[in-house]
């Protein structure tokens, strides 16, 4: 047997301590700085953001947090 390195995928619980700089680097530029700051400072907002799948999810996120998130259309 060799020295197999087992990589553990990042679990969502670990995202609570992610910094603004880490988020800014990972998210597309279409996600505005205001929203990146919100995600960095609110575990709830980050969780809500991570589960967005539809245009309605985006609308709900914007209403809940008073922001204007626009994600690029996948195509």
PDB file of N, CA and C in Angstrom:
ATOM      1  N   UNK A   1       0.836  -1.186   0.000  1.00  0.00           N
ATOM      2  CA  UNK A   1       0.000   0.000   0.000  1.00  0.00           C
ATOM      3  C   UNK A   1       0.877   1.245   0.000  1.00  0.00           C
ATOM      4  N   UNK A   2       0.462   2.253  -0.729  1.00  0.00           N
ATOM      5  CA  UNK A   2       1.237   3.479  -0.814  1.00  0.00           C
ATOM      6  C   UNK A   2       0.770   4.502   0.199  1.00  0.00           C
ATOM      7  N   UNK A   3       1.302   5.687   0.064  1.00  0.00           N
ATOM      8  CA  UNK A   3       0.913   6.790   0.932  1.00  0.00           C
ATOM      9  C   UNK A   3      -0.226   7.572   0.268  1.00  0.00           C
ATOM     10  N   UNK A   4      -1.350   6.925   0.114  1.00  0.00           N
ATOM     11  CA  UNK A   4      -2.486   7.564  -0.549  1.00  0.00           C
ATOM     12  C   UNK A   4      -2.971   8.758   0.270  1.00  0.00           C
ATOM     13  N   UNK A   5      -3.121   9.858  -0.401  1.00  0.00           N
ATOM     14  CA  UNK A   5      -3.614  11.064   0.269  1.00  0.00           C
ATOM     15  C   UNK A   5      -5.120  11.121   0.071  1.00  0.00           C
ATOM     16  N   UNK A   6      -5.809  11.158   1.172  1.00  0.00           N
ATOM     17  CA  UNK A   6      -7.261  11.249   1.091  1.00  0.00           C
ATOM     18  C   UNK A   6      -7.668  12.701   1.218  1.00  0.00           C
ATOM     19  N   UNK A   7      -8.364  13.182   0.190  1.00  0.00           N
ATOM     20  CA  UNK A   7      -8.833  14.559   0.256  1.00  0.00           C
ATOM     21  C   UNK A   7     -10.280  14.559   0.732  1.00  0.00           C
ATOM     22  N   UNK A   8     -10.567  15.449   1.625  1.00  0.00           N
ATOM     23  CA  UNK A   8     -11.912  15.565   2.166  1.00  0.00           C
ATOM     24  C   UNK A   8     -12.562  16.783   1.546  1.00  0.00           C
ATOM     25  N   UNK A   9     -13.692  16.599   0.874  1.00  0.00           N
ATOM     26  CA  UNK A   9     -14.345  17.773   0.293  1.00  0.00           C
ATOM     27  C   UNK A   9     -14.791  18.731   1.394  1.00  0.00           C
ATOM     28  N   UNK A  10     -14.763  20.002   1.085  1.00  0.00           N
ATOM     29  CA  UNK A  10     -15.163  21.018   2.066  1.00  0.00           C
ATOM     30  C   UNK A  10     -16.648  20.871   2.374  1.00  0.00           C
ATOM     31  N   UNK A  11     -16.945  20.839   3.642  1.00  0.00           N
ATOM     32  CA  UNK A  11     -18.335  20.742   4.061  1.00  0.00           C
ATOM     33  C   UNK A  11     -18.903  22.138   4.240  1.00  0.00           C
ATOM     34  N   UNK A  12     -20.199  22.316   3.963  1.00  0.00           N
ATOM     35  CA  UNK A  12     -20.781  23.652   4.086  1.00  0.00           C
ATOM     36  C   UNK A  12     -20.585  24.291   5.457  1.00  0.00           C
ATOM     37  N   UNK A  13     -20.529  23.483   6.513  1.00  0.00           N
ATOM     38  CA  UNK A  13     -20.353  24.050   7.849  1.00  0.00           C
ATOM     39  C   UNK A  13     -19.055  24.849   7.955  1.00  0.00           C
ATOM     40  N   UNK A  14     -18.061  24.485   7.168  1.00  0.00           N
ATOM     41  CA  UNK A  14     -16.771  25.156   7.234  1.00  0.00           C
ATOM     42  C   UNK A  14     -16.810  26.546   6.596  1.00  0.00           C
ATOM     43  N   UNK A  15     -17.851  26.834   5.850  1.00  0.00           N
ATOM     44  CA  UNK A  15     -17.928  28.108   5.145  1.00  0.00           C
ATOM     45  C   UNK A  15     -18.232  29.278   6.068  1.00  0.00           C
ATOM     46  N   UNK A  16     -18.648  29.000   7.287  1.00  0.00           N
ATOM     47  CA  UNK A  16     -18.994  30.069   8.203  1.00  0.00           C
ATOM     48  C   UNK A  16     -17.849  31.016   8.512  1.00  0.00           C
ATOM     49  N   UNK A  17     -16.613  30.555   8.389  1.00  0.00           N
ATOM     50  CA  UNK A  17     -15.464  31.380   8.734  1.00  0.00           C
ATOM     51  C   UNK A  17     -14.705  31.867   7.510  1.00  0.00           C
ATOM     52  N   UNK A  18     -15.332  31.841   6.356  1.00  0.00           N
ATOM     53  CA  UNK A  18     -14.643  32.258   5.133  1.00  0.00           C
ATOM     54  C   UNK A  18     -14.568  33.782   5.103  1.00  0.00           C
ATOM     55  N   UNK A  19     -13.451  34.289   4.664  1.00  0.00           N
ATOM     56  CA  UNK A  19     -13.254  35.739   4.666  1.00  0.00           C
ATOM     57  C   UNK A  19     -13.783  36.372   3.381  1.00  0.00           C
ATOM     58  N   UNK A  20     -13.938  37.689   3.437  1.00  0.00           N
ATOM     59  CA  UNK A  20     -14.357  38.438   2.260  1.00  0.00           C
ATOM     60  C   UNK A  20     -13.397  38.168   1.097  1.00  0.00           C
ATOM     61  N   UNK A  21     -12.095  38.199   1.373  1.00  0.00           N
ATOM     62  CA  UNK A  21     -11.100  38.009   0.319  1.00  0.00           C
ATOM     63  C   UNK A  21     -11.228  36.625  -0.320  1.00  0.00           C
ATOM     64  N   UNK A  22     -11.472  35.603   0.509  1.00  0.00           N
ATOM     65  CA  UNK A  22     -11.633  34.257  -0.033  1.00  0.00           C
ATOM     66  C   UNK A  22     -12.883  34.160  -0.907  1.00  0.00           C
ATOM     67  N   UNK A  23     -13.970  34.756  -0.436  1.00  0.00           N
ATOM     68  CA  UNK A  23     -15.203  34.740  -1.223  1.00  0.00           C
ATOM     69  C   UNK A  23     -15.034  35.516  -2.520  1.00  0.00           C
ATOM     70  N   UNK A  24     -14.428  36.697  -2.447  1.00  0.00           N
ATOM     71  CA  UNK A  24     -14.242  37.541  -3.638  1.00  0.00           C
ATOM     72  C   UNK A  24     -13.448  36.783  -4.697  1.00  0.00           C
ATOM     73  N   UNK A  25     -12.456  36.019  -4.254  1.00  0.00           N
ATOM     74  CA  UNK A  25     -11.623  35.260  -5.183  1.00  0.00           C
ATOM     75  C   UNK A  25     -12.397  34.097  -5.819  1.00  0.00           C
ATOM     76  N   UNK A  26     -13.352  33.550  -5.101  1.00  0.00           N
ATOM     77  CA  UNK A  26     -14.069  32.365  -5.587  1.00  0.00           C
ATOM     78  C   UNK A  26     -15.302  32.696  -6.416  1.00  0.00           C
ATOM     79  N   UNK A  27     -15.923  33.823  -6.138  1.00  0.00           N
ATOM     80  CA  UNK A  27     -17.180  34.150  -6.805  1.00  0.00           C
ATOM     81  C   UNK A  27     -16.930  34.926  -8.092  1.00  0.00           C
ATOM     82  N   UNK A  28     -17.828  34.760  -9.067  1.00  0.00           N
ATOM     83  CA  UNK A  28     -17.668  35.510 -10.320  1.00  0.00           C
ATOM     84  C   UNK A  28     -17.802  37.010 -10.085  1.00  0.00           C
ATOM     85  N   UNK A  29     -17.205  37.799 -10.963  1.00  0.00           N
ATOM     86  CA  UNK A  29     -17.240  39.251 -10.822  1.00  0.00           C
ATOM     87  C   UNK A  29     -18.670  39.800 -10.887  1.00  0.00           C
ATOM     88  N   UNK A  30     -19.597  39.040 -11.477  1.00  0.00           N
ATOM     89  CA  UNK A  30     -20.995  39.487 -11.544  1.00  0.00           C
ATOM     90  C   UNK A  30     -21.613  39.629 -10.154  1.00  0.00           C
ATOM     91  N   UNK A  31     -21.063  38.913  -9.191  1.00  0.00           N
ATOM     92  CA  UNK A  31     -21.536  39.034  -7.810  1.00  0.00           C
ATOM     93  C   UNK A  31     -20.858  40.268  -7.218  1.00  0.00           C
ATOM     94  N   UNK A  32     -21.651  41.286  -6.916  1.00  0.00           N
ATOM     95  CA  UNK A  32     -21.113  42.555  -6.460  1.00  0.00           C
ATOM     96  C   UNK A  32     -20.444  42.480  -5.095  1.00  0.00           C
ATOM     97  N   UNK A  33     -19.573  43.454  -4.843  1.00  0.00           N
ATOM     98  CA  UNK A  33     -18.843  43.503  -3.573  1.00  0.00           C
ATOM     99  C   UNK A  33     -19.780  43.576  -2.370  1.00  0.00           C
ATOM    100  N   UNK A  34     -20.891  44.309  -2.517  1.00  0.00           N
ATOM    101  CA  UNK A  34     -21.865  44.413  -1.420  1.00  0.00           C
ATOM    102  C   UNK A  34     -22.376  43.029  -1.025  1.00  0.00           C
ATOM    103  N   UNK A  35     -22.659  42.200  -2.015  1.00  0.00           N
ATOM    104  CA  UNK A  35     -23.182  40.865  -1.744  1.00  0.00           C
ATOM    105  C   UNK A  35     -22.087  39.975  -1.173  1.00  0.00           C
ATOM    106  N   UNK A  36     -20.863  40.110  -1.669  1.00  0.00           N
ATOM    107  CA  UNK A  36     -19.755  39.325  -1.116  1.00  0.00           C
ATOM    108  C   UNK A  36     -19.552  39.676   0.357  1.00  0.00           C
ATOM    109  N   UNK A  37     -19.650  40.961   0.700  1.00  0.00           N
ATOM    110  CA  UNK A  37     -19.539  41.372   2.111  1.00  0.00           C
ATOM    111  C   UNK A  37     -20.656  40.757   2.940  1.00  0.00           C
ATOM    112  N   UNK A  38     -21.874  40.768   2.409  1.00  0.00           N
ATOM    113  CA  UNK A  38     -23.013  40.165   3.105  1.00  0.00           C
ATOM    114  C   UNK A  38     -22.743  38.687   3.380  1.00  0.00           C
ATOM    115  N   UNK A  39     -22.269  37.977   2.376  1.00  0.00           N
ATOM    116  CA  UNK A  39     -22.007  36.544   2.529  1.00  0.00           C
ATOM    117  C   UNK A  39     -20.893  36.279   3.530  1.00  0.00           C
ATOM    118  N   UNK A  40     -19.890  37.148   3.536  1.00  0.00           N
ATOM    119  CA  UNK A  40     -18.764  36.971   4.456  1.00  0.00           C
ATOM    120  C   UNK A  40     -19.181  37.215   5.900  1.00  0.00           C
ATOM    121  N   UNK A  41     -20.204  38.048   6.096  1.00  0.00           N
ATOM    122  CA  UNK A  41     -20.611  38.435   7.452  1.00  0.00           C
ATOM    123  C   UNK A  41     -21.849  37.710   7.961  1.00  0.00           C
ATOM    124  N   UNK A  42     -22.510  36.921   7.115  1.00  0.00           N
ATOM    125  CA  UNK A  42     -23.734  36.258   7.526  1.00  0.00           C
ATOM    126  C   UNK A  42     -23.744  34.809   7.064  1.00  0.00           C
ATOM    127  N   UNK A  43     -23.622  33.890   8.014  1.00  0.00           N
ATOM    128  CA  UNK A  43     -23.675  32.471   7.673  1.00  0.00           C
ATOM    129  C   UNK A  43     -25.018  32.108   7.054  1.00  0.00           C
ATOM    130  N   UNK A  44     -26.093  32.758   7.524  1.00  0.00           N
ATOM    131  CA  UNK A  44     -27.424  32.483   6.972  1.00  0.00           C
ATOM    132  C   UNK A  44     -27.503  32.916   5.520  1.00  0.00           C
ATOM    133  N   UNK A  45     -26.982  34.110   5.213  1.00  0.00           N
ATOM    134  CA  UNK A  45     -27.001  34.595   3.834  1.00  0.00           C
ATOM    135  C   UNK A  45     -26.157  33.684   2.947  1.00  0.00           C
ATOM    136  N   UNK A  46     -25.014  33.247   3.461  1.00  0.00           N
ATOM    137  CA  UNK A  46     -24.148  32.363   2.689  1.00  0.00           C
ATOM    138  C   UNK A  46     -24.852  31.047   2.387  1.00  0.00           C
ATOM    139  N   UNK A  47     -25.542  30.515   3.371  1.00  0.00           N
ATOM    140  CA  UNK A  47     -26.283  29.266   3.156  1.00  0.00           C
ATOM    141  C   UNK A  47     -27.393  29.468   2.138  1.00  0.00           C
ATOM    142  N   UNK A  48     -28.135  30.577   2.264  1.00  0.00           N
ATOM    143  CA  UNK A  48     -29.196  30.877   1.297  1.00  0.00           C
ATOM    144  C   UNK A  48     -28.613  31.019  -0.107  1.00  0.00           C
ATOM    145  N   UNK A  49     -27.481  31.714  -0.211  1.00  0.00           N
ATOM    146  CA  UNK A  49     -26.828  31.919  -1.499  1.00  0.00           C
ATOM    147  C   UNK A  49     -26.418  30.581  -2.113  1.00  0.00           C
ATOM    148  N   UNK A  50     -25.900  29.691  -1.282  1.00  0.00           N
ATOM    149  CA  UNK A  50     -25.408  28.399  -1.765  1.00  0.00           C
ATOM    150  C   UNK A  50     -26.522  27.517  -2.305  1.00  0.00           C
ATOM    151  N   UNK A  51     -27.753  27.776  -1.891  1.00  0.00           N
ATOM    152  CA  UNK A  51     -28.863  26.925  -2.331  1.00  0.00           C
ATOM    153  C   UNK A  51     -29.680  27.537  -3.462  1.00  0.00           C
ATOM    154  N   UNK A  52     -29.258  28.687  -3.986  1.00  0.00           N
ATOM    155  CA  UNK A  52     -29.973  29.317  -5.101  1.00  0.00           C
ATOM    156  C   UNK A  52     -29.897  28.418  -6.334  1.00  0.00           C
ATOM    157  N   UNK A  53     -31.070  28.154  -6.924  1.00  0.00           N
ATOM    158  CA  UNK A  53     -31.109  27.332  -8.135  1.00  0.00           C
ATOM    159  C   UNK A  53     -31.964  27.950  -9.234  1.00  0.00           C
ATOM    160  N   UNK A  54     -32.905  28.809  -8.859  1.00  0.00           N
ATOM    161  CA  UNK A  54     -33.837  29.353  -9.852  1.00  0.00           C
ATOM    162  C   UNK A  54     -33.886  30.874  -9.776  1.00  0.00           C
ATOM    163  N   UNK A  55     -34.511  31.483 -10.780  1.00  0.00           N
ATOM    164  CA  UNK A  55     -34.716  32.933 -10.759  1.00  0.00           C
ATOM    165  C   UNK A  55     -35.538  33.341  -9.533  1.00  0.00           C
ATOM    166  N   UNK A  56     -36.486  32.493  -9.136  1.00  0.00           N
ATOM    167  CA  UNK A  56     -37.296  32.796  -7.956  1.00  0.00           C
ATOM    168  C   UNK A  56     -36.450  32.779  -6.696  1.00  0.00           C
ATOM    169  N   UNK A  57     -35.489  31.865  -6.608  1.00  0.00           N
ATOM    170  CA  UNK A  57     -34.570  31.838  -5.468  1.00  0.00           C
ATOM    171  C   UNK A  57     -33.784  33.143  -5.390  1.00  0.00           C
ATOM    172  N   UNK A  58     -33.347  33.648  -6.552  1.00  0.00           N
ATOM    173  CA  UNK A  58     -32.613  34.919  -6.590  1.00  0.00           C
ATOM    174  C   UNK A  58     -33.516  36.050  -6.108  1.00  0.00           C
ATOM    175  N   UNK A  59     -34.759  36.087  -6.586  1.00  0.00           N
ATOM    176  CA  UNK A  59     -35.698  37.126  -6.171  1.00  0.00           C
ATOM    177  C   UNK A  59     -35.943  37.071  -4.671  1.00  0.00           C
ATOM    178  N   UNK A  60     -36.092  35.875  -4.129  1.00  0.00           N
ATOM    179  CA  UNK A  60     -36.306  35.717  -2.689  1.00  0.00           C
ATOM    180  C   UNK A  60     -35.088  36.192  -1.900  1.00  0.00           C
ATOM    181  N   UNK A  61     -33.890  35.871  -2.379  1.00  0.00           N
ATOM    182  CA  UNK A  61     -32.650  36.290  -1.734  1.00  0.00           C
ATOM    183  C   UNK A  61     -32.562  37.817  -1.723  1.00  0.00           C
ATOM    184  N   UNK A  62     -32.835  38.425  -2.865  1.00  0.00           N
ATOM    185  CA  UNK A  62     -32.772  39.886  -2.973  1.00  0.00           C
ATOM    186  C   UNK A  62     -33.754  40.558  -2.020  1.00  0.00           C
ATOM    187  N   UNK A  63     -34.960  40.027  -1.946  1.00  0.00           N
ATOM    188  CA  UNK A  63     -35.970  40.619  -1.060  1.00  0.00           C
ATOM    189  C   UNK A  63     -35.585  40.447   0.403  1.00  0.00           C
ATOM    190  N   UNK A  64     -35.126  39.261   0.772  1.00  0.00           N
ATOM    191  CA  UNK A  64     -34.785  38.965   2.160  1.00  0.00           C
ATOM    192  C   UNK A  64     -33.647  39.836   2.663  1.00  0.00           C
ATOM    193  N   UNK A  65     -32.628  40.054   1.803  1.00  0.00           N
ATOM    194  CA  UNK A  65     -31.425  40.763   2.241  1.00  0.00           C
ATOM    195  C   UNK A  65     -31.328  42.188   1.708  1.00  0.00           C
ATOM    196  N   UNK A  66     -32.315  42.631   0.932  1.00  0.00           N
ATOM    197  CA  UNK A  66     -32.308  44.001   0.437  1.00  0.00           C
ATOM    198  C   UNK A  66     -31.161  44.287  -0.511  1.00  0.00           C
ATOM    199  N   UNK A  67     -30.830  43.309  -1.354  1.00  0.00           N
ATOM    200  CA  UNK A  67     -29.736  43.476  -2.305  1.00  0.00           C
ATOM    201  C   UNK A  67     -30.253  43.254  -3.721  1.00  0.00           C
ATOM    202  N   UNK A  68     -29.379  43.399  -4.694  1.00  0.00           N
ATOM    203  CA  UNK A  68     -29.751  43.177  -6.080  1.00  0.00           C
ATOM    204  C   UNK A  68     -28.776  42.201  -6.732  1.00  0.00           C
ATOM    205  N   UNK A  69     -28.898  40.953  -6.340  1.00  0.00           N
ATOM    206  CA  UNK A  69     -28.056  39.900  -6.894  1.00  0.00           C
ATOM    207  C   UNK A  69     -28.523  39.573  -8.301  1.00  0.00           C
ATOM    208  N   UNK A  70     -27.584  39.555  -9.226  1.00  0.00           N
ATOM    209  CA  UNK A  70     -27.872  39.124 -10.604  1.00  0.00           C
ATOM    210  C   UNK A  70     -26.794  38.107 -10.977  1.00  0.00           C
ATOM    211  N   UNK A  71     -27.218  36.909 -11.289  1.00  0.00           N
ATOM    212  CA  UNK A  71     -26.256  35.878 -11.684  1.00  0.00           C
ATOM    213  C   UNK A  71     -26.276  35.739 -13.194  1.00  0.00           C
ATOM    214  N   UNK A  72     -25.129  35.456 -13.788  1.00  0.00           N
ATOM    215  CA  UNK A  72     -25.085  35.278 -15.239  1.00  0.00           C
ATOM    216  C   UNK A  72     -25.925  34.087 -15.654  1.00  0.00           C
ATOM    217  N   UNK A  73     -26.600  34.212 -16.774  1.00  0.00           N
ATOM    218  CA  UNK A  73     -27.427  33.121 -17.266  1.00  0.00           C
ATOM    219  C   UNK A  73     -26.531  31.983 -17.740  1.00  0.00           C
ATOM    220  N   UNK A  74     -26.927  30.772 -17.368  1.00  0.00           N
ATOM    221  CA  UNK A  74     -26.164  29.619 -17.841  1.00  0.00           C
ATOM    222  C   UNK A  74     -26.690  29.247 -19.218  1.00  0.00           C
ATOM    223  N   UNK A  75     -25.810  28.899 -20.107  1.00  0.00           N
ATOM    224  CA  UNK A  75     -26.360  28.645 -21.391  1.00  0.00           C
ATOM    225  C   UNK A  75     -25.544  27.793 -22.225  1.00  0.00           C
TER     226      UNK A  75
END
